[in-house]
């Protein structure tokens, strides 16, 4: 069973930046398509960004396009989510999700496409 570990959350002010990282314990993350989702208090979990296994494809939600960037770091064996120009509405628990993709190469926006989930990282943005 794959174990996903998120890191990099925290408390920042509006306009600040953060970088979240996702690693899969004991696994090479380049074999997996990876997505980031978030859930704010009292709201449903929503898609944020996704990257395909080869990094050829990425997808972003409309609310983060132009501010967030998802990328792979093969040296660190992580998938990172750079969060710039943060807003109070970005406050949420951010979850990394992964699916093993031996064939095909897509960046799914659907949480049902992912088999493995991390415990989440809290991001709090104050105004």
Foldseek 3Di string as FASTA:
>chain_A
DWAKDKDWADEEAAQAKIKIKIATPPDQQLQKKKFKWWDDPPGDIFGAKTAKSNRPDMDGDPVQPPAWDWDADNVVSIIMIMGGRDDQVVWTWMKMFIDGPPDDIDTDRDPVVTDDIYPTGTHGYHD
